[in-house]
Amino acid sequence: MKLKPASIAELASFLAGNRTRMEKVTSFDLTALDRLVEHKAEDMTATVGAGMNLANFQRQLALDGQWLPVDPPKTESLSIGALLATNVSGPRRFGYGTVRDYVIGLQVVLADGRIIHSGGKVVKNVAGYDLMKLFIGSRGSLGIITEVTFKVPPVPETEQFVEAKCASLEDAEKLIDALLNSDLAPIVLDLHNMSSTSRRLSLVVGFAGTPDDVAWQLGKAAELGFTDPSSLDYEKTFFTQDASFQQVSVLPSKTVEVIRTLNNTPFVARAGNGIIYHSGPIIPHHQERPIKLEERLKNEFDPKHILPGLHHD
């Protein structure tokens, strides 16, 4: 059953009444919850309904020179609720972190219809248990996120990208190590082979901040070999062309090792975070997941298993 409530109250009412019917919820559509509830630019906080798409939210924040520092693909079709449910991120994750780093308050409807709140609407909030990290990334399996309060910093004064072409993965690995051991503080550190049909390797770095700071970092990056102007166009190209990409997460130190197994298929890798998107077959993943812990949490928050499982599509 797919839920498409017209309001938070309607969603809560349905789930409360469903306790006896026990109809399974396969998915939910929160497009009706599409509004900016509150934006206090002076406090750098904003509260938004889970149905608003990320692109629209960013446009509204930009009117006051602020933004949410996350940049996943396809923001025009990605809702705030889906952003949190999947904890998806983009190239700027290396410098800015993930969306959970900016959430200061959540409103969630549980499987039994109860509406709960975690956190608050101010940045220095310490009230209550920190349930936010449980719900972020849970794919709606523990409760349905309906409203979120973010801290929203100012948009950087300037942002620039440069890249270095690498003749081999060995060269790329050495350059990554050199960058990480330098005084530079990039917001983007990506390795990809989307520049040409020959699948030539490009290592891209991005810097943001004041013009003077960015200029200094660009000068230092040039000394390491980052001399070609760049952009994030490779990111858009990859996610536009390949709708069936695979994702694997490894230790950052293992990134190049895993890329070696891809046989030159198209890929974009977050070289500083260990996240690799690629067009090849699924790579066997040996990292064990905490299945028993996930089951305990599911049974605690949704004992009748009304909501989707953690790995629903």
C-alpha atoms as a PDB file:
ATOM      1  CA  MET A   1       0.000   0.000   0.000  1.00  0.00           C
ATOM      2  CA  LYS A   2       1.282   3.449  -0.940  1.00  0.00           C
ATOM      3  CA  LEU A   3       0.421   6.333   1.350  1.00  0.00           C
ATOM      4  CA  LYS A   4      -0.171   9.825  -0.015  1.00  0.00           C
ATOM      5  CA  PRO A   5      -1.390  11.927   2.921  1.00  0.00           C
ATOM      6  CA  ALA A   6      -2.653  15.478   2.480  1.00  0.00           C
ATOM      7  CA  SER A   7      -1.248  16.515   5.865  1.00  0.00           C
ATOM      8  CA  ILE A   8       0.800  15.315   8.802  1.00  0.00           C
ATOM      9  CA  ALA A   9      -2.404  14.911  10.805  1.00  0.00           C
ATOM     10  CA  GLU A  10      -3.901  12.705   8.107  1.00  0.00           C
ATOM     11  CA  LEU A  11      -0.779  10.535   8.012  1.00  0.00           C
ATOM     12  CA  ALA A  12      -0.791  10.144  11.799  1.00  0.00           C
ATOM     13  CA  SER A  13      -4.514   9.384  11.848  1.00  0.00           C
ATOM     14  CA  PHE A  14      -4.199   6.693   9.202  1.00  0.00           C
ATOM     15  CA  LEU A  15      -1.301   4.942  10.914  1.00  0.00           C
ATOM     16  CA  ALA A  16      -3.050   5.107  14.291  1.00  0.00           C
ATOM     17  CA  GLY A  17      -6.146   3.511  12.773  1.00  0.00           C
ATOM     18  CA  ASN A  18      -4.056   0.959  10.956  1.00  0.00           C
ATOM     19  CA  ARG A  19      -2.912  -0.673  14.178  1.00  0.00           C
ATOM     20  CA  THR A  20      -5.792  -3.136  13.991  1.00  0.00           C
ATOM     21  CA  ARG A  21      -5.923  -3.543  10.188  1.00  0.00           C
ATOM     22  CA  MET A  22      -2.140  -4.007   9.985  1.00  0.00           C
ATOM     23  CA  GLU A  23      -1.941  -3.082   6.318  1.00  0.00           C
ATOM     24  CA  LYS A  24       1.677  -3.030   5.155  1.00  0.00           C
ATOM     25  CA  VAL A  25       2.991   0.310   3.880  1.00  0.00           C
ATOM     26  CA  THR A  26       5.177  -0.278   0.835  1.00  0.00           C
ATOM     27  CA  SER A  27       5.948   3.383   0.094  1.00  0.00           C
ATOM     28  CA  PHE A  28       4.776   6.906   0.844  1.00  0.00           C
ATOM     29  CA  ASP A  29       4.392  10.136  -1.104  1.00  0.00           C
ATOM     30  CA  LEU A  30       4.776  13.313   0.963  1.00  0.00           C
ATOM     31  CA  THR A  31       4.499  15.856  -1.851  1.00  0.00           C
ATOM     32  CA  ALA A  32       1.639  17.563   0.018  1.00  0.00           C
ATOM     33  CA  LEU A  33       4.126  18.521   2.751  1.00  0.00           C
ATOM     34  CA  ASP A  34       5.831  20.937   0.387  1.00  0.00           C
ATOM     35  CA  ARG A  35       6.384  24.184   2.255  1.00  0.00           C
ATOM     36  CA  LEU A  36       9.040  26.215   3.967  1.00  0.00           C
ATOM     37  CA  VAL A  37       7.647  26.280   7.479  1.00  0.00           C
ATOM     38  CA  GLU A  38      10.074  28.831   8.898  1.00  0.00           C
ATOM     39  CA  HIS A  39      13.343  30.444   7.880  1.00  0.00           C
ATOM     40  CA  LYS A  40      15.170  32.525  10.449  1.00  0.00           C
ATOM     41  CA  ALA A  41      18.044  33.854   8.407  1.00  0.00           C
ATOM     42  CA  GLU A  42      19.458  35.792  11.372  1.00  0.00           C
ATOM     43  CA  ASP A  43      19.711  32.527  13.355  1.00  0.00           C
ATOM     44  CA  MET A  44      20.811  30.524  10.295  1.00  0.00           C
ATOM     45  CA  THR A  45      18.037  27.960  10.762  1.00  0.00           C
ATOM     46  CA  ALA A  46      15.216  26.759   8.525  1.00  0.00           C
ATOM     47  CA  THR A  47      12.335  24.346   9.058  1.00  0.00           C
ATOM     48  CA  VAL A  48      10.906  22.618   6.002  1.00  0.00           C
ATOM     49  CA  GLY A  49       8.294  20.006   5.152  1.00  0.00           C
ATOM     50  CA  ALA A  50       9.630  16.642   4.000  1.00  0.00           C
ATOM     51  CA  GLY A  51       7.795  16.908   0.686  1.00  0.00           C
ATOM     52  CA  MET A  52       9.705  19.916  -0.663  1.00  0.00           C
ATOM     53  CA  ASN A  53      12.391  19.020  -3.183  1.00  0.00           C
ATOM     54  CA  LEU A  54      15.968  19.936  -2.361  1.00  0.00           C
ATOM     55  CA  ALA A  55      16.438  22.253  -5.360  1.00  0.00           C
ATOM     56  CA  ASN A  56      13.438  24.378  -4.366  1.00  0.00           C
ATOM     57  CA  PHE A  57      14.616  24.511  -0.757  1.00  0.00           C
ATOM     58  CA  GLN A  58      18.059  25.680  -1.873  1.00  0.00           C
ATOM     59  CA  ARG A  59      16.516  28.388  -4.058  1.00  0.00           C
ATOM     60  CA  GLN A  60      14.526  29.745  -1.137  1.00  0.00           C
ATOM     61  CA  LEU A  61      17.542  29.741   1.170  1.00  0.00           C
ATOM     62  CA  ALA A  62      19.632  31.482  -1.503  1.00  0.00           C
ATOM     63  CA  LEU A  63      17.354  34.512  -1.325  1.00  0.00           C
ATOM     64  CA  ASP A  64      19.046  35.221   2.010  1.00  0.00           C
ATOM     65  CA  GLY A  65      22.521  34.115   0.922  1.00  0.00           C
ATOM     66  CA  GLN A  66      22.328  30.767   2.704  1.00  0.00           C
ATOM     67  CA  TRP A  67      22.297  27.103   1.685  1.00  0.00           C
ATOM     68  CA  LEU A  68      22.201  23.519   2.879  1.00  0.00           C
ATOM     69  CA  PRO A  69      25.727  22.213   2.125  1.00  0.00           C
ATOM     70  CA  VAL A  70      24.705  18.922   0.501  1.00  0.00           C
ATOM     71  CA  ASP A  71      24.776  18.284  -3.243  1.00  0.00           C
ATOM     72  CA  PRO A  72      23.432  14.846  -4.227  1.00  0.00           C
ATOM     73  CA  PRO A  73      22.398  14.160  -7.843  1.00  0.00           C
ATOM     74  CA  LYS A  74      19.004  15.120  -9.263  1.00  0.00           C
ATOM     75  CA  THR A  75      17.969  17.649  -6.631  1.00  0.00           C
ATOM     76  CA  GLU A  76      14.880  18.708  -8.610  1.00  0.00           C
ATOM     77  CA  SER A  77      13.309  15.305  -7.973  1.00  0.00           C
ATOM     78  CA  LEU A  78      14.828  14.535  -4.572  1.00  0.00           C
ATOM     79  CA  SER A  79      12.587  15.446  -1.652  1.00  0.00           C
ATOM     80  CA  ILE A  80      13.897  16.533   1.722  1.00  0.00           C
ATOM     81  CA  GLY A  81      12.330  13.409   3.214  1.00  0.00           C
ATOM     82  CA  ALA A  82      14.096  11.147   0.719  1.00  0.00           C
ATOM     83  CA  LEU A  83      17.353  13.013   1.266  1.00  0.00           C
ATOM     84  CA  LEU A  84      17.235  12.170   4.967  1.00  0.00           C
ATOM     85  CA  ALA A  85      15.799   8.691   4.571  1.00  0.00           C
ATOM     86  CA  THR A  86      18.661   7.655   2.302  1.00  0.00           C
ATOM     87  CA  ASN A  87      21.382   9.964   3.680  1.00  0.00           C
ATOM     88  CA  VAL A  88      22.522  10.489   0.084  1.00  0.00           C
ATOM     89  CA  SER A  89      25.387  12.898  -0.597  1.00  0.00           C
ATOM     90  CA  GLY A  90      27.473  14.422  -3.388  1.00  0.00           C
ATOM     91  CA  PRO A  91      31.018  15.556  -4.205  1.00  0.00           C
ATOM     92  CA  ARG A  92      31.118  18.311  -1.587  1.00  0.00           C
ATOM     93  CA  ARG A  93      30.693  15.698   1.144  1.00  0.00           C
ATOM     94  CA  PHE A  94      34.479  15.650   1.606  1.00  0.00           C
ATOM     95  CA  GLY A  95      34.517  19.221   2.881  1.00  0.00           C
ATOM     96  CA  TYR A  96      31.039  19.687   4.293  1.00  0.00           C
ATOM     97  CA  GLY A  97      29.964  16.272   5.568  1.00  0.00           C
ATOM     98  CA  THR A  98      26.537  14.693   5.134  1.00  0.00           C
ATOM     99  CA  VAL A  99      23.044  15.985   5.744  1.00  0.00           C
ATOM    100  CA  ARG A 100      22.969  14.618   9.284  1.00  0.00           C
ATOM    101  CA  ASP A 101      25.637  17.188  10.180  1.00  0.00           C
ATOM    102  CA  TYR A 102      23.085  19.966   9.538  1.00  0.00           C
ATOM    103  CA  VAL A 103      19.931  18.534  11.101  1.00  0.00           C
ATOM    104  CA  ILE A 104      19.070  20.069  14.462  1.00  0.00           C
ATOM    105  CA  GLY A 105      15.456  18.920  14.725  1.00  0.00           C
ATOM    106  CA  LEU A 106      13.134  16.257  13.314  1.00  0.00           C
ATOM    107  CA  GLN A 107       9.423  15.579  13.414  1.00  0.00           C
ATOM    108  CA  VAL A 108       8.588  11.921  12.770  1.00  0.00           C
ATOM    109  CA  VAL A 109       5.348   9.949  12.592  1.00  0.00           C
ATOM    110  CA  LEU A 110       5.821   6.465  14.030  1.00  0.00           C
ATOM    111  CA  ALA A 111       4.151   3.302  12.793  1.00  0.00           C
ATOM    112  CA  ASP A 112       1.450   3.554  15.475  1.00  0.00           C
ATOM    113  CA  GLY A 113       0.542   7.148  14.528  1.00  0.00           C
ATOM    114  CA  ARG A 114       2.393   8.917  17.313  1.00  0.00           C
ATOM    115  CA  ILE A 115       4.104  12.154  16.330  1.00  0.00           C
ATOM    116  CA  ILE A 116       7.464  12.593  18.013  1.00  0.00           C
ATOM    117  CA  HIS A 117      10.120  15.325  17.956  1.00  0.00           C
ATOM    118  CA  SER A 118      13.860  15.032  18.335  1.00  0.00           C
ATOM    119  CA  GLY A 119      16.123  18.037  18.742  1.00  0.00           C
ATOM    120  CA  GLY A 120      14.679  21.511  18.337  1.00  0.00           C
ATOM    121  CA  LYS A 121      14.726  24.701  16.282  1.00  0.00           C
ATOM    122  CA  VAL A 122      17.855  26.306  17.655  1.00  0.00           C
ATOM    123  CA  VAL A 123      21.445  25.356  16.946  1.00  0.00           C
ATOM    124  CA  LYS A 124      22.457  25.071  20.628  1.00  0.00           C
ATOM    125  CA  ASN A 125      19.785  22.549  21.564  1.00  0.00           C
ATOM    126  CA  VAL A 126      20.514  19.704  23.970  1.00  0.00           C
ATOM    127  CA  ALA A 127      17.025  18.665  25.067  1.00  0.00           C
ATOM    128  CA  GLY A 128      15.913  15.044  24.812  1.00  0.00           C
ATOM    129  CA  TYR A 129      17.527  11.930  23.365  1.00  0.00           C
ATOM    130  CA  ASP A 130      19.333  12.243  20.036  1.00  0.00           C
ATOM    131  CA  LEU A 131      17.105  10.014  17.912  1.00  0.00           C
ATOM    132  CA  MET A 132      17.953  11.913  14.744  1.00  0.00           C
ATOM    133  CA  LYS A 133      20.861   9.685  13.792  1.00  0.00           C
ATOM    134  CA  LEU A 134      18.560   6.661  13.964  1.00  0.00           C
ATOM    135  CA  PHE A 135      15.999   8.046  11.542  1.00  0.00           C
ATOM    136  CA  ILE A 136      18.482   9.559   9.084  1.00  0.00           C
ATOM    137  CA  GLY A 137      19.405   6.795   6.671  1.00  0.00           C
ATOM    138  CA  SER A 138      16.729   4.385   7.921  1.00  0.00           C
ATOM    139  CA  ARG A 139      14.741   4.576   4.647  1.00  0.00           C
ATOM    140  CA  GLY A 140      11.468   5.083   6.477  1.00  0.00           C
ATOM    141  CA  SER A 141      11.717   1.725   8.227  1.00  0.00           C
ATOM    142  CA  LEU A 142      11.509   3.169  11.769  1.00  0.00           C
ATOM    143  CA  GLY A 143       9.210   6.136  11.176  1.00  0.00           C
ATOM    144  CA  ILE A 144       8.219   8.653   8.519  1.00  0.00           C
ATOM    145  CA  ILE A 145      10.094  11.953   8.662  1.00  0.00           C
ATOM    146  CA  THR A 146       7.605  14.782   8.063  1.00  0.00           C
ATOM    147  CA  GLU A 147       9.412  17.977   9.044  1.00  0.00           C
ATOM    148  CA  VAL A 148      13.071  18.940   9.478  1.00  0.00           C
ATOM    149  CA  THR A 149      14.952  21.856  10.989  1.00  0.00           C
ATOM    150  CA  PHE A 150      18.393  22.559   9.534  1.00  0.00           C
ATOM    151  CA  LYS A 151      21.224  24.882  10.369  1.00  0.00           C
ATOM    152  CA  VAL A 152      21.931  26.729   7.117  1.00  0.00           C
ATOM    153  CA  PRO A 153      25.302  28.514   6.801  1.00  0.00           C
ATOM    154  CA  PRO A 154      26.115  31.327   4.367  1.00  0.00           C
ATOM    155  CA  VAL A 155      26.919  30.471   0.761  1.00  0.00           C
ATOM    156  CA  PRO A 156      30.718  30.660   0.256  1.00  0.00           C
ATOM    157  CA  GLU A 157      31.964  33.873  -1.337  1.00  0.00           C
ATOM    158  CA  THR A 158      33.692  31.945  -4.098  1.00  0.00           C
ATOM    159  CA  GLU A 159      34.270  28.378  -5.218  1.00  0.00           C
ATOM    160  CA  GLN A 160      36.706  27.017  -7.814  1.00  0.00           C
ATOM    161  CA  PHE A 161      37.738  23.617  -9.140  1.00  0.00           C
ATOM    162  CA  VAL A 162      40.991  22.397 -10.673  1.00  0.00           C
ATOM    163  CA  GLU A 163      42.174  18.982 -11.763  1.00  0.00           C
ATOM    164  CA  ALA A 164      45.239  16.931 -12.552  1.00  0.00           C
ATOM    165  CA  LYS A 165      45.374  14.285 -15.264  1.00  0.00           C
ATOM    166  CA  CYS A 166      46.832  11.010 -14.023  1.00  0.00           C
ATOM    167  CA  ALA A 167      48.587   8.500 -16.270  1.00  0.00           C
ATOM    168  CA  SER A 168      47.794   5.584 -13.961  1.00  0.00           C
ATOM    169  CA  LEU A 169      46.008   4.633 -10.768  1.00  0.00           C
ATOM    170  CA  GLU A 170      49.388   4.485  -9.066  1.00  0.00           C
ATOM    171  CA  ASP A 171      50.011   8.134  -9.983  1.00  0.00           C
ATOM    172  CA  ALA A 172      46.518   9.069  -8.780  1.00  0.00           C
ATOM    173  CA  GLU A 173      47.093   7.323  -5.463  1.00  0.00           C
ATOM    174  CA  LYS A 174      50.382   9.160  -4.915  1.00  0.00           C
ATOM    175  CA  LEU A 175      48.764  12.490  -5.723  1.00  0.00           C
ATOM    176  CA  ILE A 176      45.855  11.812  -3.366  1.00  0.00           C
ATOM    177  CA  ASP A 177      48.334  11.033  -0.569  1.00  0.00           C
ATOM    178  CA  ALA A 178      50.306  14.178  -1.305  1.00  0.00           C
ATOM    179  CA  LEU A 179      47.175  16.304  -1.168  1.00  0.00           C
ATOM    180  CA  LEU A 180      45.930  14.753   2.067  1.00  0.00           C
ATOM    181  CA  ASN A 181      49.315  15.330   3.679  1.00  0.00           C
ATOM    182  CA  SER A 182      49.444  18.981   2.598  1.00  0.00           C
ATOM    183  CA  ASP A 183      48.041  22.098   4.267  1.00  0.00           C
ATOM    184  CA  LEU A 184      45.179  22.265   1.748  1.00  0.00           C
ATOM    185  CA  ALA A 185      41.544  21.945   2.816  1.00  0.00           C
ATOM    186  CA  PRO A 186      39.534  21.014  -0.294  1.00  0.00           C
ATOM    187  CA  ILE A 187      35.779  20.673  -0.235  1.00  0.00           C
ATOM    188  CA  VAL A 188      35.902  18.174  -3.140  1.00  0.00           C
ATOM    189  CA  LEU A 189      38.348  15.350  -3.788  1.00  0.00           C
ATOM    190  CA  ASP A 190      37.081  13.150  -6.621  1.00  0.00           C
ATOM    191  CA  LEU A 191      38.740  10.686  -8.970  1.00  0.00           C
ATOM    192  CA  HIS A 192      36.905   9.819 -12.198  1.00  0.00           C
ATOM    193  CA  ASN A 193      37.360   8.610 -15.762  1.00  0.00           C
ATOM    194  CA  MET A 194      34.507  10.541 -17.378  1.00  0.00           C
ATOM    195  CA  SER A 195      36.679  13.089 -19.217  1.00  0.00           C
ATOM    196  CA  SER A 196      36.991  11.240 -22.523  1.00  0.00           C
ATOM    197  CA  THR A 197      36.153   8.041 -24.365  1.00  0.00           C
ATOM    198  CA  SER A 198      39.643   6.782 -23.545  1.00  0.00           C
ATOM    199  CA  ARG A 199      38.687   6.778 -19.854  1.00  0.00           C
ATOM    200  CA  ARG A 200      41.605   8.962 -18.861  1.00  0.00           C
ATOM    201  CA  LEU A 201      41.890   9.486 -15.120  1.00  0.00           C
ATOM    202  CA  SER A 202      41.201  12.920 -13.641  1.00  0.00           C
ATOM    203  CA  LEU A 203      41.663  13.923 -10.012  1.00  0.00           C
ATOM    204  CA  VAL A 204      39.468  16.905  -9.185  1.00  0.00           C
ATOM    205  CA  VAL A 205      39.754  19.180  -6.169  1.00  0.00           C
ATOM    206  CA  GLY A 206      37.523  22.085  -5.199  1.00  0.00           C
ATOM    207  CA  PHE A 207      38.071  24.992  -2.839  1.00  0.00           C
ATOM    208  CA  ALA A 208      35.585  27.408  -1.282  1.00  0.00           C
ATOM    209  CA  GLY A 209      35.761  30.448   0.967  1.00  0.00           C
ATOM    210  CA  THR A 210      36.970  34.011   0.630  1.00  0.00           C
ATOM    211  CA  PRO A 211      38.663  35.001  -2.659  1.00  0.00           C
ATOM    212  CA  ASP A 212      42.038  35.380  -0.923  1.00  0.00           C
ATOM    213  CA  ASP A 213      41.830  31.993   0.761  1.00  0.00           C
ATOM    214  CA  VAL A 214      40.750  30.224  -2.431  1.00  0.00           C
ATOM    215  CA  ALA A 215      43.511  31.939  -4.421  1.00  0.00           C
ATOM    216  CA  TRP A 216      46.121  30.781  -1.890  1.00  0.00           C
ATOM    217  CA  GLN A 217      44.862  27.201  -2.019  1.00  0.00           C
ATOM    218  CA  LEU A 218      44.799  27.184  -5.819  1.00  0.00           C
ATOM    219  CA  GLY A 219      48.441  28.287  -5.815  1.00  0.00           C
ATOM    220  CA  LYS A 220      49.433  25.493  -3.452  1.00  0.00           C
ATOM    221  CA  ALA A 221      47.399  22.963  -5.445  1.00  0.00           C
ATOM    222  CA  ALA A 222      49.186  24.032  -8.645  1.00  0.00           C
ATOM    223  CA  GLU A 223      52.512  23.159  -7.001  1.00  0.00           C
ATOM    224  CA  LEU A 224      51.210  19.596  -6.611  1.00  0.00           C
ATOM    225  CA  GLY A 225      50.105  19.390 -10.245  1.00  0.00           C
ATOM    226  CA  PHE A 226      46.505  20.618 -10.162  1.00  0.00           C
ATOM    227  CA  THR A 227      46.831  23.120 -12.990  1.00  0.00           C
ATOM    228  CA  ASP A 228      43.840  22.520 -15.283  1.00  0.00           C
ATOM    229  CA  PRO A 229      40.552  24.389 -14.696  1.00  0.00           C
ATOM    230  CA  SER A 230      37.730  21.991 -13.880  1.00  0.00           C
ATOM    231  CA  SER A 231      34.082  21.724 -12.841  1.00  0.00           C
ATOM    232  CA  LEU A 232      31.610  19.154 -11.570  1.00  0.00           C
ATOM    233  CA  ASP A 233      30.256  18.385 -15.058  1.00  0.00           C
ATOM    234  CA  TYR A 234      31.561  14.806 -14.823  1.00  0.00           C
ATOM    235  CA  GLU A 235      29.186  14.253 -11.910  1.00  0.00           C
ATOM    236  CA  LYS A 236      26.137  15.308 -13.922  1.00  0.00           C
ATOM    237  CA  THR A 237      27.284  13.288 -16.944  1.00  0.00           C
ATOM    238  CA  PHE A 238      27.714  10.079 -14.965  1.00  0.00           C
ATOM    239  CA  PHE A 239      24.387  10.203 -13.143  1.00  0.00           C
ATOM    240  CA  THR A 240      22.523  11.280 -16.286  1.00  0.00           C
ATOM    241  CA  GLN A 241      23.962   8.575 -18.522  1.00  0.00           C
ATOM    242  CA  ASP A 242      23.898   5.673 -16.099  1.00  0.00           C
ATOM    243  CA  ALA A 243      20.594   5.039 -14.369  1.00  0.00           C
ATOM    244  CA  SER A 244      21.699   1.577 -13.160  1.00  0.00           C
ATOM    245  CA  PHE A 245      24.988   2.450 -11.479  1.00  0.00           C
ATOM    246  CA  GLN A 246      26.392   0.491  -8.563  1.00  0.00           C
ATOM    247  CA  GLN A 247      27.684   1.964  -5.316  1.00  0.00           C
ATOM    248  CA  VAL A 248      30.292   0.577  -2.980  1.00  0.00           C
ATOM    249  CA  SER A 249      31.691   2.101   0.213  1.00  0.00           C
ATOM    250  CA  VAL A 250      35.141   1.182   1.477  1.00  0.00           C
ATOM    251  CA  LEU A 251      37.849   2.669   3.654  1.00  0.00           C
ATOM    252  CA  PRO A 252      39.283   5.711   1.838  1.00  0.00           C
ATOM    253  CA  SER A 253      42.664   3.977   1.784  1.00  0.00           C
ATOM    254  CA  LYS A 254      41.091   1.112  -0.223  1.00  0.00           C
ATOM    255  CA  THR A 255      39.501   3.321  -2.894  1.00  0.00           C
ATOM    256  CA  VAL A 256      42.141   2.889  -5.593  1.00  0.00           C
ATOM    257  CA  GLU A 257      42.451  -0.818  -4.812  1.00  0.00           C
ATOM    258  CA  VAL A 258      38.748  -1.319  -5.555  1.00  0.00           C
ATOM    259  CA  ILE A 259      38.869   0.861  -8.680  1.00  0.00           C
ATOM    260  CA  ARG A 260      41.527  -1.500 -10.067  1.00  0.00           C
ATOM    261  CA  THR A 261      38.893  -4.248 -10.165  1.00  0.00           C
ATOM    262  CA  LEU A 262      36.478  -2.214 -12.329  1.00  0.00           C
ATOM    263  CA  ASN A 263      38.270  -2.955 -15.621  1.00  0.00           C
ATOM    264  CA  ASN A 264      38.085   0.658 -16.803  1.00  0.00           C
ATOM    265  CA  THR A 265      34.287   0.907 -16.663  1.00  0.00           C
ATOM    266  CA  PRO A 266      32.921   4.442 -16.085  1.00  0.00           C
ATOM    267  CA  PHE A 267      33.226   5.521 -12.463  1.00  0.00           C
ATOM    268  CA  VAL A 268      33.174   8.500 -10.132  1.00  0.00           C
ATOM    269  CA  ALA A 269      34.895   8.040  -6.779  1.00  0.00           C
ATOM    270  CA  ARG A 270      34.898  10.192  -3.667  1.00  0.00           C
ATOM    271  CA  ALA A 271      38.607   9.673  -3.169  1.00  0.00           C
ATOM    272  CA  GLY A 272      38.558  11.245   0.273  1.00  0.00           C
ATOM    273  CA  ASN A 273      35.530   9.320   1.551  1.00  0.00           C
ATOM    274  CA  GLY A 274      35.834   5.866  -0.029  1.00  0.00           C
ATOM    275  CA  ILE A 275      32.541   5.973  -1.953  1.00  0.00           C
ATOM    276  CA  ILE A 276      32.658   4.648  -5.521  1.00  0.00           C
ATOM    277  CA  TYR A 277      29.899   4.856  -8.129  1.00  0.00           C
ATOM    278  CA  HIS A 278      30.490   2.669 -11.186  1.00  0.00           C
ATOM    279  CA  SER A 279      28.799   1.130 -14.202  1.00  0.00           C
ATOM    280  CA  GLY A 280      30.204  -2.368 -13.851  1.00  0.00           C
ATOM    281  CA  PRO A 281      28.838  -5.452 -12.104  1.00  0.00           C
ATOM    282  CA  ILE A 282      28.254  -5.514  -8.370  1.00  0.00           C
ATOM    283  CA  ILE A 283      31.468  -5.751  -6.374  1.00  0.00           C
ATOM    284  CA  PRO A 284      31.328  -8.387  -3.601  1.00  0.00           C
ATOM    285  CA  HIS A 285      31.022  -6.483  -0.339  1.00  0.00           C
ATOM    286  CA  HIS A 286      32.681  -8.193   2.614  1.00  0.00           C
ATOM    287  CA  GLN A 287      31.840  -5.645   5.292  1.00  0.00           C
ATOM    288  CA  GLU A 288      29.414  -7.163   7.757  1.00  0.00           C
ATOM    289  CA  ARG A 289      26.347  -5.136   8.600  1.00  0.00           C
ATOM    290  CA  PRO A 290      24.844  -5.024  12.120  1.00  0.00           C
ATOM    291  CA  ILE A 291      21.803  -7.097  11.153  1.00  0.00           C
ATOM    292  CA  LYS A 292      20.839  -8.001  14.722  1.00  0.00           C
ATOM    293  CA  LEU A 293      20.979  -4.371  15.834  1.00  0.00           C
ATOM    294  CA  GLU A 294      18.844  -3.321  12.867  1.00  0.00           C
ATOM    295  CA  GLU A 295      16.284  -5.990  13.740  1.00  0.00           C
ATOM    296  CA  ARG A 296      16.170  -4.859  17.378  1.00  0.00           C
ATOM    297  CA  LEU A 297      15.559  -1.267  16.330  1.00  0.00           C
ATOM    298  CA  LYS A 298      12.891  -2.319  13.840  1.00  0.00           C
ATOM    299  CA  ASN A 299      11.084  -4.372  16.477  1.00  0.00           C
ATOM    300  CA  GLU A 300      11.286  -1.499  18.965  1.00  0.00           C
ATOM    301  CA  PHE A 301       9.952   1.251  16.673  1.00  0.00           C
ATOM    302  CA  ASP A 302       7.728  -0.833  14.389  1.00  0.00           C
ATOM    303  CA  PRO A 303       6.933  -4.139  16.181  1.00  0.00           C
ATOM    304  CA  LYS A 304       4.196  -5.085  13.703  1.00  0.00           C
ATOM    305  CA  HIS A 305       6.442  -4.283  10.720  1.00  0.00           C
ATOM    306  CA  ILE A 306       3.902  -1.937   9.146  1.00  0.00           C
ATOM    307  CA  LEU A 307       6.499   0.322   7.554  1.00  0.00           C
ATOM    308  CA  PRO A 308       8.871  -0.713   4.751  1.00  0.00           C
ATOM    309  CA  GLY A 309      11.941  -2.728   5.585  1.00  0.00           C
ATOM    310  CA  LEU A 310      15.344  -1.067   5.711  1.00  0.00           C
ATOM    311  CA  HIS A 311      16.288  -2.275   2.241  1.00  0.00           C
ATOM    312  CA  HIS A 312      13.075  -1.642   0.301  1.00  0.00           C
ATOM    313  CA  ASP A 313      13.534  -0.161  -3.185  1.00  0.00           C
END
